[in-house]
Amino acid sequence: MPSAPPEVSELPELLLPWFDEHARDLPWRRHDTTPWGVLVSEFMLQQTPVSRVEPIWLEWLARWPRPSALAAAPKADVLRAWGKLGYPRRAMRLHAAASTIATGHGDVVPAEVDELLALPGVGAYTARAVAAFGYRRRAPVVDTNVRRVIARVVHGAGDAGPPRTTADLADASALLPVDESTAARFSAALMELGAVRCTARRPACAGCPAVSVCAWQLGGRPEYTGPSRPVQRFAGTDRQVRGRLLDVLRGAQGPVPRAALDAAWSDSAQRDRCLFSLLADGLVEQRGDGRFALPGEL
């Protein structure tokens, strides 16, 4: 196991007290949250702000407190409950993961990373996040915020650049305390630091708990000159069109005629392409009479 550079070996001692005092009170971080609640939060938080996730997460856990409860729900109900979180395929993958957990794991979210990786829709980040935050395991959890903190504090770079999965995991692992539960808290603290203080555009270095060991700060905060990440736009994209079409179906009481979908977007070529993709993804179904509906609706 690689070791942390001497100058940042004290990072857990600096971050953990700060985290205990200043961490946001997010419901999926509370001690009574089950591993299932953590898994649901990780699916919802992918590319989605916390403020949009929190109310829907609370509704989901009240409605479907166990994987088997979600697995038994009609897909149409799941898509409606997903609401405006975006990327609705995540809802279907979570539904599939719930079915696998209910039937293959005794309705208990697995704790081992390899078993988590075998679940539908669960990748390297989500598997380790559930192990760490759901089961308090020592697992390196690497997201954009963690990569940015490590790039600055450890490597003295203004940004992390393109992902390097193996190197990123090794960097995070080298910083983790040996104790399992302490390592899990430290993983959460790293993420929190990147989310609220060591931000991409306006890092609040004054008062940062890591400022005394931050290589970027000690090096004069050099400007990042590496490759930039493309800015994702939303207006006019297929994502927006797919959302508009799904909005029509979520708001309907049953199947709708093609004309109702045509009214949702004026560009017929883009609209048709997006409708076809929704059909291919299993998010929309077409009835024998030509009408369209959410999966499983009569």
Protein backbone atom coordinates (compact mmCIF):
# COMPACT_ATOMS: atom_id res chain seq x y z
CA MET A 1 0.00 0.00 0.00
CA PRO A 2 1.52 3.35 -1.02
CA SER A 3 2.10 5.84 1.77
CA ALA A 4 1.18 9.51 1.87
CA PRO A 5 3.95 12.09 1.42
CA PRO A 6 5.29 13.20 4.83
CA GLU A 7 3.94 16.73 4.44
CA VAL A 8 0.33 15.52 4.12
CA SER A 9 0.46 12.51 6.44
CA GLU A 10 -1.23 14.66 9.08
CA LEU A 11 -4.15 15.49 6.78
CA PRO A 12 -6.64 13.21 8.61
CA GLU A 13 -5.82 14.96 11.90
CA LEU A 14 -6.51 18.31 10.23
CA LEU A 15 -9.65 17.39 8.31
CA LEU A 16 -11.58 15.18 10.70
CA PRO A 17 -12.16 17.77 13.46
CA TRP A 18 -13.17 20.30 10.80
CA PHE A 19 -15.55 17.80 9.23
CA ASP A 20 -17.12 16.88 12.56
CA GLU A 21 -17.84 20.55 13.25
CA HIS A 22 -18.71 21.93 9.82
CA ALA A 23 -20.06 19.08 7.66
CA ARG A 24 -23.42 19.69 6.05
CA ASP A 25 -26.28 17.83 7.72
CA LEU A 26 -27.22 15.61 4.79
CA PRO A 27 -29.80 12.91 5.55
CA TRP A 28 -27.84 10.08 3.94
CA ARG A 29 -24.92 10.84 6.29
CA ARG A 30 -26.91 10.32 9.46
CA HIS A 31 -26.10 7.34 11.66
CA ASP A 32 -29.50 5.72 11.17
CA THR A 33 -29.19 5.66 7.38
CA THR A 34 -29.02 2.12 6.05
CA PRO A 35 -26.62 0.95 3.30
CA TRP A 36 -29.70 0.89 1.06
CA GLY A 37 -30.25 4.58 1.76
CA VAL A 38 -26.62 5.27 0.91
CA LEU A 39 -26.92 3.34 -2.36
CA VAL A 40 -30.03 5.30 -3.35
CA SER A 41 -28.29 8.58 -2.57
CA GLU A 42 -25.26 7.66 -4.68
CA PHE A 43 -27.45 6.85 -7.69
CA MET A 44 -29.31 10.15 -7.30
CA LEU A 45 -26.25 12.32 -6.70
CA GLN A 46 -24.55 11.42 -9.97
CA GLN A 47 -24.25 14.73 -11.84
CA THR A 48 -27.10 16.17 -9.76
CA PRO A 49 -26.88 18.89 -7.06
CA VAL A 50 -27.51 17.97 -3.44
CA SER A 51 -30.34 20.51 -3.17
CA ARG A 52 -32.35 18.69 -5.84
CA VAL A 53 -31.62 15.23 -4.47
CA GLU A 54 -32.46 15.70 -0.80
CA PRO A 55 -36.28 16.04 -0.97
CA ILE A 56 -36.64 13.24 -3.50
CA TRP A 57 -34.31 10.96 -1.53
CA LEU A 58 -36.45 11.47 1.57
CA GLU A 59 -39.60 10.62 -0.39
CA TRP A 60 -38.03 7.48 -1.88
CA LEU A 61 -36.81 6.12 1.43
CA ALA A 62 -40.20 6.72 3.02
CA ARG A 63 -41.91 4.97 0.11
CA TRP A 64 -39.37 2.23 -0.59
CA PRO A 65 -37.36 1.66 2.62
CA ARG A 66 -35.92 -1.67 1.42
CA PRO A 67 -34.65 -2.93 -1.94
CA SER A 68 -37.54 -5.39 -2.20
CA ALA A 69 -40.05 -2.56 -1.87
CA LEU A 70 -38.56 -0.73 -4.84
CA ALA A 71 -38.17 -3.96 -6.82
CA ALA A 72 -41.91 -4.61 -6.46
CA ALA A 73 -42.86 -1.12 -7.68
CA PRO A 74 -44.02 -0.66 -11.29
CA LYS A 75 -41.41 0.98 -13.47
CA ALA A 76 -43.83 3.78 -14.33
CA ASP A 77 -44.14 4.67 -10.64
CA VAL A 78 -40.35 4.66 -10.29
CA LEU A 79 -39.92 7.03 -13.24
CA ARG A 80 -42.59 9.36 -11.92
CA ALA A 81 -40.97 9.43 -8.49
CA TRP A 82 -37.59 10.18 -10.08
CA GLY A 83 -39.10 13.49 -11.16
CA LYS A 84 -36.65 16.16 -12.32
CA LEU A 85 -33.43 14.49 -11.18
CA GLY A 86 -32.38 13.93 -14.79
CA TYR A 87 -30.67 10.98 -16.45
CA PRO A 88 -33.74 8.75 -15.85
CA ARG A 89 -31.86 5.63 -16.91
CA ARG A 90 -30.36 5.82 -13.42
CA ALA A 91 -33.85 5.17 -12.01
CA MET A 92 -34.21 2.02 -14.10
CA ARG A 93 -30.74 0.81 -13.15
CA LEU A 94 -31.50 1.41 -9.48
CA HIS A 95 -34.74 -0.54 -9.92
CA ALA A 96 -32.76 -3.39 -11.48
CA ALA A 97 -30.16 -3.25 -8.70
CA ALA A 98 -32.94 -3.41 -6.12
CA SER A 99 -34.32 -6.54 -7.79
CA THR A 100 -30.89 -8.19 -7.73
CA ILE A 101 -30.38 -7.29 -4.07
CA ALA A 102 -33.84 -8.53 -3.12
CA THR A 103 -33.51 -11.88 -4.88
CA GLY A 104 -29.78 -12.53 -4.76
CA HIS A 105 -28.65 -10.96 -1.48
CA GLY A 106 -31.52 -11.55 0.92
CA ASP A 107 -32.75 -7.96 0.57
CA VAL A 108 -29.48 -6.67 2.06
CA VAL A 109 -27.10 -4.41 0.12
CA PRO A 110 -23.78 -6.25 -0.14
CA ALA A 111 -20.81 -4.84 1.75
CA GLU A 112 -17.97 -6.10 -0.43
CA VAL A 113 -16.79 -3.95 -3.32
CA ASP A 114 -16.67 -6.88 -5.76
CA GLU A 115 -20.27 -7.84 -4.99
CA LEU A 116 -21.39 -4.23 -5.28
CA LEU A 117 -19.68 -3.92 -8.66
CA ALA A 118 -21.76 -6.85 -9.91
CA LEU A 119 -25.02 -4.96 -9.30
CA PRO A 120 -26.71 -3.26 -12.28
CA GLY A 121 -25.65 0.37 -12.66
CA VAL A 122 -22.97 0.23 -9.96
CA GLY A 123 -19.50 1.37 -11.03
CA ALA A 124 -16.16 1.79 -9.30
CA TYR A 125 -17.10 5.01 -7.50
CA THR A 126 -20.53 3.91 -6.30
CA ALA A 127 -19.29 0.52 -5.06
CA ARG A 128 -16.59 2.10 -2.93
CA ALA A 129 -18.90 4.87 -1.72
CA VAL A 130 -21.42 2.31 -0.44
CA ALA A 131 -18.67 0.26 1.21
CA ALA A 132 -17.26 3.37 2.90
CA PHE A 133 -20.39 5.32 3.78
CA GLY A 134 -22.84 2.45 4.14
CA TYR A 135 -20.59 0.01 5.98
CA ARG A 136 -17.80 2.27 7.34
CA ARG A 137 -15.17 0.35 5.41
CA ARG A 138 -11.70 1.53 4.40
CA ALA A 139 -12.23 2.10 0.68
CA PRO A 140 -10.82 4.95 -1.45
CA VAL A 141 -13.77 6.99 -2.72
CA VAL A 142 -12.78 9.21 -5.62
CA ASP A 143 -15.07 11.79 -7.19
CA THR A 144 -14.35 15.13 -8.85
CA ASN A 145 -14.09 16.91 -5.51
CA VAL A 146 -11.65 14.38 -4.05
CA ARG A 147 -9.50 14.48 -7.18
CA ARG A 148 -9.29 18.28 -6.99
CA VAL A 149 -8.35 18.29 -3.29
CA ILE A 150 -5.63 15.70 -3.83
CA ALA A 151 -4.32 17.51 -6.92
CA ARG A 152 -3.89 20.70 -4.90
CA VAL A 153 -2.91 19.45 -1.46
CA VAL A 154 -0.64 16.58 -2.53
CA HIS A 155 0.55 17.45 -6.02
CA GLY A 156 0.49 21.25 -5.95
CA ALA A 157 -1.61 21.49 -9.13
CA GLY A 158 -4.52 23.88 -9.56
CA ASP A 159 -6.77 21.13 -10.90
CA ALA A 160 -6.76 17.36 -11.33
CA GLY A 161 -6.97 17.18 -15.12
CA PRO A 162 -8.46 14.13 -16.86
CA PRO A 163 -9.33 11.14 -14.66
CA ARG A 164 -6.66 8.46 -14.16
CA THR A 165 -8.57 5.69 -12.43
CA THR A 166 -5.67 3.59 -11.13
CA ALA A 167 -3.53 6.56 -10.09
CA ASP A 168 -6.49 8.41 -8.56
CA LEU A 169 -7.44 5.40 -6.42
CA ALA A 170 -3.81 4.97 -5.33
CA ASP A 171 -3.57 8.64 -4.38
CA ALA A 172 -6.73 8.45 -2.27
CA SER A 173 -5.80 5.13 -0.70
CA ALA A 174 -2.41 6.48 0.38
CA LEU A 175 -4.13 9.17 2.47
CA LEU A 176 -6.59 6.91 4.27
CA PRO A 177 -6.08 6.11 7.95
CA VAL A 178 -5.66 2.44 8.77
CA ASP A 179 -8.73 2.21 11.01
CA GLU A 180 -11.81 1.29 8.95
CA SER A 181 -14.38 3.69 10.41
CA THR A 182 -11.88 6.55 10.64
CA ALA A 183 -10.95 6.00 6.99
CA ALA A 184 -14.62 6.16 6.00
CA ARG A 185 -15.08 9.46 7.84
CA PHE A 186 -11.93 10.81 6.24
CA SER A 187 -13.23 9.89 2.78
CA ALA A 188 -16.37 11.89 3.54
CA ALA A 189 -14.25 14.77 4.84
CA LEU A 190 -12.18 14.89 1.63
CA MET A 191 -15.36 15.07 -0.44
CA GLU A 192 -16.84 17.75 1.80
CA LEU A 193 -13.70 19.87 1.61
CA GLY A 194 -13.79 19.80 -2.19
CA ALA A 195 -17.52 20.49 -2.32
CA VAL A 196 -17.72 23.48 0.02
CA ARG A 197 -14.24 24.99 0.35
CA CYS A 198 -11.64 23.69 -2.12
CA THR A 199 -13.98 24.45 -5.01
CA ALA A 200 -13.02 24.63 -8.66
CA ARG A 201 -13.48 28.33 -9.33
CA ARG A 202 -13.27 30.16 -6.01
CA PRO A 203 -11.39 28.07 -3.46
CA ALA A 204 -11.72 29.49 0.05
CA CYS A 205 -8.14 28.91 1.19
CA ALA A 206 -8.39 31.26 4.16
CA GLY A 207 -9.46 29.13 7.07
CA CYS A 208 -9.12 25.86 5.13
CA PRO A 209 -8.12 23.09 7.56
CA ALA A 210 -5.52 21.79 5.06
CA VAL A 211 -3.90 25.13 4.22
CA SER A 212 -0.77 24.46 6.30
CA VAL A 213 0.14 21.36 4.29
CA CYS A 214 -1.37 22.28 0.89
CA ALA A 215 1.34 22.04 -1.78
CA TRP A 216 -0.65 24.29 -4.11
CA GLN A 217 -0.99 27.02 -1.50
CA LEU A 218 2.63 26.70 -0.39
CA GLY A 219 3.73 26.90 -4.03
CA GLY A 220 1.95 30.20 -4.64
CA ARG A 221 -1.24 28.72 -6.13
CA PRO A 222 0.14 28.22 -9.66
CA GLU A 223 -2.40 28.44 -12.46
CA TYR A 224 -3.57 25.17 -13.94
CA THR A 225 -2.44 24.86 -17.56
CA GLY A 226 -3.48 21.31 -18.37
CA PRO A 227 -6.35 20.13 -20.58
CA SER A 228 -9.71 21.63 -19.73
CA ARG A 229 -12.92 19.69 -19.33
CA PRO A 230 -15.68 20.52 -21.82
CA VAL A 231 -18.53 22.55 -20.39
CA GLN A 232 -21.77 20.60 -20.56
CA ARG A 233 -24.66 22.63 -21.88
CA PHE A 234 -28.27 21.60 -21.47
CA ALA A 235 -30.50 23.93 -23.50
CA GLY A 236 -31.37 22.41 -26.85
CA THR A 237 -29.63 19.11 -26.20
CA ASP A 238 -31.12 15.66 -26.60
CA ARG A 239 -31.13 15.46 -22.79
CA GLN A 240 -33.56 18.36 -22.67
CA VAL A 241 -35.76 16.88 -25.38
CA ARG A 242 -35.87 13.46 -23.72
CA GLY A 243 -36.84 15.20 -20.48
CA ARG A 244 -39.64 17.10 -22.19
CA LEU A 245 -41.05 13.90 -23.69
CA LEU A 246 -40.89 12.09 -20.36
CA ASP A 247 -42.57 15.06 -18.67
CA VAL A 248 -45.57 14.59 -20.97
CA LEU A 249 -45.85 10.92 -20.04
CA ARG A 250 -45.26 11.47 -16.32
CA GLY A 251 -48.04 14.05 -16.29
CA ALA A 252 -50.52 11.84 -18.10
CA GLN A 253 -52.89 9.36 -16.48
CA GLY A 254 -52.18 6.74 -19.12
CA PRO A 255 -51.01 6.31 -22.73
CA VAL A 256 -50.95 9.44 -24.90
CA PRO A 257 -51.23 9.89 -28.67
CA ARG A 258 -48.23 10.84 -30.75
CA ALA A 259 -49.61 14.37 -31.14
CA ALA A 260 -49.11 15.00 -27.41
CA LEU A 261 -45.41 14.21 -27.75
CA ASP A 262 -45.07 16.18 -30.97
CA ALA A 263 -46.28 19.28 -29.12
CA ALA A 264 -43.43 18.98 -26.61
CA TRP A 265 -40.65 19.91 -29.07
CA SER A 266 -40.76 21.66 -32.44
CA ASP A 267 -37.71 20.08 -34.13
CA SER A 268 -39.24 16.91 -35.54
CA ALA A 269 -35.94 15.21 -36.44
CA GLN A 270 -34.48 15.72 -32.98
CA ARG A 271 -37.77 14.82 -31.32
CA ASP A 272 -38.03 11.58 -33.29
CA ARG A 273 -34.43 10.68 -32.51
CA CYS A 274 -35.00 11.25 -28.81
CA LEU A 275 -38.26 9.31 -28.77
CA PHE A 276 -36.53 6.38 -30.45
CA SER A 277 -33.74 6.49 -27.88
CA LEU A 278 -36.28 6.48 -25.03
CA LEU A 279 -37.96 3.45 -26.58
CA ALA A 280 -34.59 1.72 -26.99
CA ASP A 281 -33.70 2.45 -23.36
CA GLY A 282 -36.96 0.99 -22.11
CA LEU A 283 -38.07 4.29 -20.60
CA VAL A 284 -41.05 4.57 -22.96
CA GLU A 285 -43.25 1.90 -24.52
CA GLN A 286 -45.52 2.04 -27.56
CA ARG A 287 -48.92 0.35 -27.40
CA GLY A 288 -50.56 -1.63 -30.18
CA ASP A 289 -52.85 1.30 -30.94
CA GLY A 290 -49.84 3.57 -31.55
CA ARG A 291 -50.02 5.49 -28.27
CA PHE A 292 -47.05 5.93 -25.94
CA ALA A 293 -46.72 5.38 -22.18
CA LEU A 294 -44.27 4.85 -19.36
CA PRO A 295 -43.16 1.21 -18.95
CA GLY A 296 -45.90 -1.15 -17.84
CA GLU A 297 -48.78 1.32 -18.09
CA LEU A 298 -51.94 0.02 -19.76
